[in-house]
Protein backbone atom coordinates (compact mmCIF):
# COMPACT_ATOMS: atom_id res chain seq x y z
CA MET A 1 -21.86 9.58 -12.14
CA ALA A 2 -25.81 9.55 -12.48
CA THR A 3 -27.63 9.12 -15.55
CA SER A 4 -30.95 11.02 -16.23
CA THR A 5 -33.35 10.95 -18.99
CA PRO A 6 -34.29 14.61 -19.94
CA PRO A 7 -37.90 15.70 -20.25
CA SER A 8 -39.69 15.22 -23.51
CA GLY A 9 -39.08 17.86 -26.19
CA SER A 10 -35.87 19.35 -27.32
CA PRO A 11 -33.88 22.02 -25.51
CA ASN A 12 -35.04 24.69 -27.88
CA GLY A 13 -38.75 23.97 -27.15
CA ARG A 14 -39.50 22.26 -30.45
CA PRO A 15 -41.25 18.79 -30.30
CA PRO A 16 -38.90 15.83 -30.95
CA ALA A 17 -38.89 14.38 -34.58
CA ALA A 18 -41.04 11.33 -35.00
CA GLY A 19 -39.31 8.23 -34.14
CA ALA A 20 -36.43 10.02 -32.36
CA GLU A 21 -35.11 8.07 -29.39
CA ALA A 22 -34.97 9.62 -26.04
CA THR A 23 -31.38 10.71 -25.11
CA SER A 24 -29.72 10.55 -21.69
CA TRP A 25 -27.45 12.91 -19.85
CA ASP A 26 -24.52 12.00 -17.68
CA VAL A 27 -24.62 14.27 -14.62
CA GLU A 28 -21.51 14.43 -12.34
CA LEU A 29 -23.02 14.81 -8.80
CA LEU A 30 -19.89 14.53 -6.85
CA ARG A 31 -16.19 15.01 -7.71
CA VAL A 32 -13.28 13.88 -5.49
CA LEU A 33 -9.68 14.81 -6.07
CA VAL A 34 -6.89 13.00 -4.19
CA SER A 35 -3.34 14.52 -4.62
CA ARG A 36 -0.01 14.15 -2.95
CA LYS A 37 2.88 16.41 -2.52
CA GLY A 38 5.83 14.62 -0.94
CA SER A 39 4.48 12.64 1.97
CA GLN A 40 1.29 14.98 2.33
CA VAL A 41 -1.98 13.71 1.02
CA GLU A 42 -4.80 16.04 0.23
CA ALA A 43 -8.44 15.13 -0.71
CA GLN A 44 -10.93 17.66 -2.07
CA TRP A 45 -14.46 17.35 -3.19
CA ALA A 46 -17.09 19.35 -4.95
CA ILE A 47 -20.80 18.73 -5.51
CA HIS A 48 -23.19 19.58 -8.31
CA PRO A 49 -24.32 23.23 -7.91
CA GLN A 50 -27.87 22.41 -8.54
CA LEU A 51 -27.82 19.62 -5.91
CA LYS A 52 -26.33 21.98 -3.46
CA GLN A 53 -28.90 24.63 -4.17
CA ASP A 54 -31.85 22.04 -3.81
CA LEU A 55 -30.57 20.97 -0.34
CA LEU A 56 -31.98 22.38 2.81
CA PRO A 57 -29.37 23.78 5.17
CA HIS A 58 -29.40 20.87 7.49
CA GLU A 59 -29.25 18.43 4.52
CA TRP A 60 -26.25 20.20 3.20
CA GLN A 61 -24.56 19.97 6.52
CA GLU A 62 -25.22 16.22 6.72
CA VAL A 63 -23.73 15.76 3.23
CA THR A 64 -20.73 17.81 4.25
CA ASP A 65 -20.06 16.01 7.50
CA LEU A 66 -20.46 12.58 5.86
CA THR A 67 -18.24 13.41 2.91
CA GLU A 68 -15.56 14.88 5.14
CA ARG A 69 -15.64 11.88 7.45
CA GLU A 70 -15.11 9.45 4.48
CA LEU A 71 -12.41 11.59 2.91
CA SER A 72 -10.66 11.74 6.28
CA ALA A 73 -10.41 7.96 6.13
CA VAL A 74 -9.16 8.11 2.58
CA ARG A 75 -6.46 10.61 3.48
CA LYS A 76 -5.22 8.43 6.32
CA LYS A 77 -5.17 5.31 4.25
CA VAL A 78 -3.36 6.87 1.35
CA GLN A 79 -0.86 8.47 3.82
CA LEU A 80 -0.19 5.10 5.32
CA VAL A 81 0.65 3.71 1.88
CA PHE A 82 3.25 6.50 1.31
CA GLN A 83 4.59 6.08 4.89
CA SER A 84 4.73 2.39 5.05
CA GLY A 85 8.43 1.87 5.38
CA ALA A 86 10.72 0.69 8.20
CA LEU A 87 10.60 4.08 9.96
CA PHE A 88 6.80 3.92 10.12
CA GLY A 89 7.07 0.42 11.25
CA SER A 90 9.25 1.43 14.10
CA THR A 91 6.61 3.78 15.35
CA GLN A 92 3.98 0.95 15.37
CA ALA A 93 6.13 -1.87 16.75
CA LEU A 94 4.96 -1.58 20.42
CA SER A 95 1.24 -1.04 19.78
CA GLN A 96 0.85 -3.44 16.87
CA ALA A 97 3.17 -6.25 18.07
CA GLY A 98 5.13 -5.85 21.35
CA ALA A 99 2.03 -5.21 23.48
CA PHE A 100 0.64 -8.65 22.47
CA LYS A 101 3.96 -10.50 23.46
CA PRO A 102 3.88 -12.70 20.30
CA ASP A 103 5.97 -15.80 20.02
CA LEU A 104 7.13 -14.76 16.51
CA VAL A 105 7.15 -11.65 14.50
CA ILE A 106 7.76 -11.60 10.82
CA VAL A 107 9.21 -8.17 9.56
CA ALA A 108 9.29 -7.45 5.84
CA TYR A 109 10.13 -3.88 5.10
CA GLY A 110 12.42 -2.81 2.22
CA MET A 111 10.61 -2.08 -0.92
CA ASN A 112 9.26 1.28 0.24
CA ASP A 113 12.64 2.19 1.74
CA ARG A 114 14.66 2.32 -1.63
CA ALA A 115 14.84 6.17 -1.71
CA ASP A 116 18.14 7.49 -0.46
CA LYS A 117 16.68 9.21 2.64
CA ARG A 118 14.90 6.07 3.83
CA ARG A 119 17.84 3.80 2.94
CA ALA A 120 20.02 5.91 5.10
CA THR A 121 18.19 5.02 8.19
CA TYR A 122 16.73 1.57 7.20
CA LYS A 123 19.06 -0.59 9.26
CA GLN A 124 18.51 1.56 12.42
CA ASP A 125 14.75 1.48 11.83
CA MET A 126 14.69 -2.28 11.50
CA GLU A 127 16.81 -2.58 14.62
CA ASN A 128 14.45 -0.19 16.41
CA ILE A 129 11.45 -2.48 15.53
CA ILE A 130 13.17 -5.56 16.93
CA ASP A 131 14.52 -3.77 20.10
CA THR A 132 11.21 -2.15 20.78
CA ILE A 133 9.35 -5.52 20.71
CA HIS A 134 12.10 -7.28 22.61
CA GLN A 135 11.79 -4.72 25.53
CA ALA A 136 8.17 -5.56 25.83
CA SER A 137 8.47 -9.41 24.99
CA PRO A 138 12.02 -10.60 25.54
CA GLU A 139 11.21 -14.07 24.37
CA THR A 140 9.74 -13.13 21.03
CA GLU A 141 11.59 -14.57 18.02
CA PHE A 142 11.90 -12.75 14.65
CA ILE A 143 12.10 -13.50 10.95
CA ALA A 144 13.30 -10.63 8.93
CA ILE A 145 12.54 -10.82 5.12
CA ALA A 146 14.78 -9.09 2.54
CA SER A 147 12.32 -7.84 -0.04
CA MET A 148 11.57 -9.26 -3.50
CA MET A 149 13.24 -7.35 -6.26
CA ASN A 150 11.61 -4.45 -8.02
CA ASN A 151 11.46 -4.61 -11.84
CA PRO A 152 15.13 -4.14 -12.99
CA LYS A 153 13.88 -2.18 -15.92
CA GLN A 154 12.69 0.64 -13.66
CA PRO A 155 14.83 3.85 -13.83
CA VAL A 156 15.96 3.32 -10.28
CA GLY A 157 17.48 -0.01 -11.18
CA SER A 158 18.21 -2.91 -8.73
CA GLU A 159 21.01 -1.43 -6.66
CA PRO A 160 18.93 0.10 -4.01
CA ILE A 161 17.04 -3.28 -3.19
CA PHE A 162 20.43 -5.05 -3.09
CA ALA A 163 21.87 -2.42 -0.71
CA LEU A 164 18.84 -2.93 1.55
CA ARG A 165 19.26 -6.63 1.68
CA ASP A 166 22.91 -6.29 2.75
CA LEU A 167 21.95 -3.93 5.40
CA LEU A 168 19.20 -6.14 6.70
CA LEU A 169 21.41 -9.25 6.72
CA SER A 170 24.14 -7.38 8.73
CA ILE A 171 21.77 -6.83 11.68
CA ASP A 172 22.89 -8.85 14.84
CA ARG A 173 20.20 -9.37 17.36
CA PRO A 174 19.24 -12.34 19.48
CA ASN A 175 16.33 -14.68 18.23
CA LEU A 176 16.58 -13.44 14.68
CA ALA A 177 16.63 -15.42 11.62
CA PHE A 178 16.43 -14.18 7.88
CA VAL A 179 14.67 -15.04 4.63
CA ASP A 180 16.61 -13.63 1.60
CA MET A 181 13.79 -13.21 -0.88
CA THR A 182 16.04 -10.77 -2.87
CA THR A 183 18.44 -13.34 -3.85
CA THR A 184 15.76 -15.91 -4.43
CA HIS A 185 13.80 -13.60 -6.70
CA GLN A 186 17.02 -12.64 -8.53
CA LYS A 187 17.62 -16.29 -9.34
CA LEU A 188 14.06 -16.78 -10.38
CA ILE A 189 14.00 -14.10 -13.01
CA GLU A 190 17.22 -15.42 -14.44
CA ARG A 191 14.92 -17.95 -16.05
CA LYS A 192 11.57 -16.28 -15.76
CA ASN A 193 10.11 -13.14 -17.04
CA TYR A 194 9.83 -10.51 -14.14
CA LEU A 195 6.23 -10.09 -15.20
CA ASP A 196 5.53 -13.81 -14.36
CA THR A 197 6.43 -13.04 -10.78
CA SER A 198 4.82 -9.67 -10.19
CA GLY A 199 1.23 -8.60 -9.60
CA ASN A 200 1.77 -5.06 -10.93
CA GLY A 201 4.85 -5.38 -13.09
CA ALA A 202 6.88 -3.13 -10.83
CA ASN A 203 7.22 -4.02 -7.10
CA HIS A 204 4.38 -6.24 -5.88
CA PRO A 205 4.32 -10.05 -5.71
CA ASN A 206 1.79 -12.08 -7.64
CA ASP A 207 0.26 -15.43 -6.33
CA PHE A 208 3.18 -17.46 -7.56
CA LEU A 209 5.73 -15.35 -5.67
CA HIS A 210 3.59 -15.30 -2.67
CA ARG A 211 3.91 -19.06 -2.66
CA ILE A 212 7.62 -18.78 -2.95
CA TYR A 213 7.61 -16.34 0.09
CA ALA A 214 5.60 -19.11 1.93
CA MET A 215 8.05 -21.86 1.00
CA ARG A 216 11.06 -19.87 2.22
CA LEU A 217 9.39 -19.03 5.48
CA LEU A 218 8.36 -22.78 6.02
CA GLU A 219 12.05 -23.75 5.48
CA LEU A 220 12.74 -21.91 8.78
CA LEU A 221 9.67 -22.92 10.62
CA GLY A 222 9.58 -26.52 9.63
CA PRO A 223 11.62 -29.24 11.42
CA THR A 224 15.24 -29.75 10.22
CA PRO A 225 15.46 -32.94 8.17
CA ALA A 226 17.47 -35.79 9.72
CA LYS A 227 20.84 -36.36 7.85
C-alpha cells in the first residue's frame, strides 16, 4: 500500500473549506494472491492500471521479470511447506544428508504425515530415508523422533499421531535410536494446558517444548550415568 496526499482542491473543482485538513488516499500499487489446490500452489499478481500505463515498455518488462522471479521463490517455499513430510524427506536424503557422510542424522517427520494417504507410506518413507543415507555413509547413526502431539481438540483428534508413533518405533535398522516425544508430550498435557506447550495452538512447539525436545535428545547423546 502507498499513501498519497491528493492535490489541493476538492474532486469537484471547488476550493476546500477554510480550515479543512488535507486528506490522504490509500493506493494499492501491487496485489499478490497466493492460493493452494491440493498440493499445487499458485501465486498471481496485478499492478495498479495507472502505474502500468506510466511505465515505459522496458520498465514494465523489468517489473514483470522481478515480480515473477520473487513469486517463483514464494511458490517454491509454500510448496515445500505442504510437501514437507517423510515422503519428501526421502527424496532429499542423499543430497541433503548422505552426500556429507555425517556422523549423526536426526529425523523428525510425522506431524505433516497424519493424513491417511501419507500415513499409509510413512514407515516405508522413513526407512527409505535411513537406507538411502546408509548406502552413502554406512557408519552414520540415526535418532528418529516421534512427533509432539497436535492439539487433541482438533477435529482430526490424536489417533493419527499415535499411529505414526507406533509405526516409527517399529522400524528395525542398525545404528538407530528413538526419542518418543509423542508420549512425553502426552504426559505433559495431562498437567499442562496444550496452549502452554505450543507456539501456534495446533501443531508447532513453543520455546518450552523445544527445551523438552533438547532434553530428550541429550538423554541419548550424553554419557550413561554410572550405577
